[in-house]
């Protein structure tokens, strides 16, 4: 599975833009753990986390239902 196919925004299970849901799907772990990790990182390193989240929301393509 290619990197582009592995990491995509999962807008179907999104709370904000689908980044955490897409990362969880790419790493095959539950969405709640990725979201908890993102929240902890936001509390510990807010500026860095926000910048990385914004970059990921621009760079990662949305998941297409035809590719699954």
C-alpha atoms as a PDB file:
ATOM      1  CA  UNK A   1       0.000   0.000   0.000  1.00  0.00           C
ATOM      2  CA  UNK A   2       1.488   3.314  -1.067  1.00  0.00           C
ATOM      3  CA  UNK A   3       2.024   6.244   1.265  1.00  0.00           C
ATOM      4  CA  UNK A   4      -0.551   8.353  -0.591  1.00  0.00           C
ATOM      5  CA  UNK A   5      -3.150   5.612  -0.228  1.00  0.00           C
ATOM      6  CA  UNK A   6      -2.274   5.004   3.418  1.00  0.00           C
ATOM      7  CA  UNK A   7      -2.617   8.530   4.814  1.00  0.00           C
ATOM      8  CA  UNK A   8      -5.698  10.412   3.685  1.00  0.00           C
ATOM      9  CA  UNK A   9      -8.201  12.647   5.450  1.00  0.00           C
ATOM     10  CA  UNK A  10     -11.180  10.601   6.607  1.00  0.00           C
ATOM     11  CA  UNK A  11     -13.962  13.156   6.253  1.00  0.00           C
ATOM     12  CA  UNK A  12     -16.654  10.573   6.951  1.00  0.00           C
ATOM     13  CA  UNK A  13     -15.427  10.120  10.547  1.00  0.00           C
ATOM     14  CA  UNK A  14     -14.134  13.670  10.981  1.00  0.00           C
ATOM     15  CA  UNK A  15     -14.692  15.866  13.988  1.00  0.00           C
ATOM     16  CA  UNK A  16     -12.820  18.865  12.564  1.00  0.00           C
ATOM     17  CA  UNK A  17     -11.184  18.068   9.217  1.00  0.00           C
ATOM     18  CA  UNK A  18     -10.521  14.332   9.347  1.00  0.00           C
ATOM     19  CA  UNK A  19      -6.791  14.407  10.069  1.00  0.00           C
ATOM     20  CA  UNK A  20      -6.910  12.311  13.263  1.00  0.00           C
ATOM     21  CA  UNK A  21      -9.356   9.832  11.745  1.00  0.00           C
ATOM     22  CA  UNK A  22      -7.155   9.508   8.656  1.00  0.00           C
ATOM     23  CA  UNK A  23      -3.995   8.987  10.717  1.00  0.00           C
ATOM     24  CA  UNK A  24      -5.767   6.388  12.836  1.00  0.00           C
ATOM     25  CA  UNK A  25      -6.857   4.555   9.716  1.00  0.00           C
ATOM     26  CA  UNK A  26      -3.340   4.752   8.246  1.00  0.00           C
ATOM     27  CA  UNK A  27      -1.736   3.325  11.388  1.00  0.00           C
ATOM     28  CA  UNK A  28      -4.611   0.862  12.018  1.00  0.00           C
ATOM     29  CA  UNK A  29      -5.313   2.086  15.550  1.00  0.00           C
ATOM     30  CA  UNK A  30      -8.562   3.336  17.143  1.00  0.00           C
ATOM     31  CA  UNK A  31      -9.502   6.942  16.370  1.00  0.00           C
ATOM     32  CA  UNK A  32      -9.974   7.789  20.038  1.00  0.00           C
ATOM     33  CA  UNK A  33      -6.288   7.167  20.827  1.00  0.00           C
ATOM     34  CA  UNK A  34      -5.111   9.421  18.012  1.00  0.00           C
ATOM     35  CA  UNK A  35      -7.533  12.129  19.156  1.00  0.00           C
ATOM     36  CA  UNK A  36      -6.412  11.808  22.790  1.00  0.00           C
ATOM     37  CA  UNK A  37      -2.776  12.032  21.680  1.00  0.00           C
ATOM     38  CA  UNK A  38      -3.563  15.102  19.584  1.00  0.00           C
ATOM     39  CA  UNK A  39      -5.292  16.733  22.548  1.00  0.00           C
ATOM     40  CA  UNK A  40      -2.326  16.038  24.853  1.00  0.00           C
ATOM     41  CA  UNK A  41       0.065  17.420  22.241  1.00  0.00           C
ATOM     42  CA  UNK A  42      -2.148  20.485  21.887  1.00  0.00           C
ATOM     43  CA  UNK A  43      -1.915  21.098  25.632  1.00  0.00           C
ATOM     44  CA  UNK A  44       1.855  20.492  25.792  1.00  0.00           C
ATOM     45  CA  UNK A  45       2.965  22.129  22.510  1.00  0.00           C
ATOM     46  CA  UNK A  46       0.059  24.226  21.219  1.00  0.00           C
ATOM     47  CA  UNK A  47       1.815  26.252  18.488  1.00  0.00           C
ATOM     48  CA  UNK A  48       3.638  23.264  16.991  1.00  0.00           C
ATOM     49  CA  UNK A  49       0.526  21.084  17.077  1.00  0.00           C
ATOM     50  CA  UNK A  50      -1.634  23.730  15.404  1.00  0.00           C
ATOM     51  CA  UNK A  51       0.951  24.331  12.677  1.00  0.00           C
ATOM     52  CA  UNK A  52       1.350  20.599  11.976  1.00  0.00           C
ATOM     53  CA  UNK A  53      -2.425  20.093  11.952  1.00  0.00           C
ATOM     54  CA  UNK A  54      -2.902  22.945   9.466  1.00  0.00           C
ATOM     55  CA  UNK A  55      -0.129  21.615   7.225  1.00  0.00           C
ATOM     56  CA  UNK A  56      -1.651  18.130   7.318  1.00  0.00           C
ATOM     57  CA  UNK A  57      -5.111  19.502   6.514  1.00  0.00           C
ATOM     58  CA  UNK A  58      -3.712  21.184   3.395  1.00  0.00           C
ATOM     59  CA  UNK A  59      -1.345  18.411   2.263  1.00  0.00           C
ATOM     60  CA  UNK A  60      -3.365  15.242   2.915  1.00  0.00           C
ATOM     61  CA  UNK A  61      -5.925  14.480   0.218  1.00  0.00           C
ATOM     62  CA  UNK A  62      -9.445  13.427   1.220  1.00  0.00           C
ATOM     63  CA  UNK A  63     -10.338   9.743   1.218  1.00  0.00           C
ATOM     64  CA  UNK A  64     -12.277   8.752  -1.842  1.00  0.00           C
ATOM     65  CA  UNK A  65     -14.955   6.161  -1.411  1.00  0.00           C
ATOM     66  CA  UNK A  66     -13.998   4.652  -4.790  1.00  0.00           C
ATOM     67  CA  UNK A  67     -10.461   3.846  -3.625  1.00  0.00           C
ATOM     68  CA  UNK A  68     -11.554   1.607  -0.737  1.00  0.00           C
END
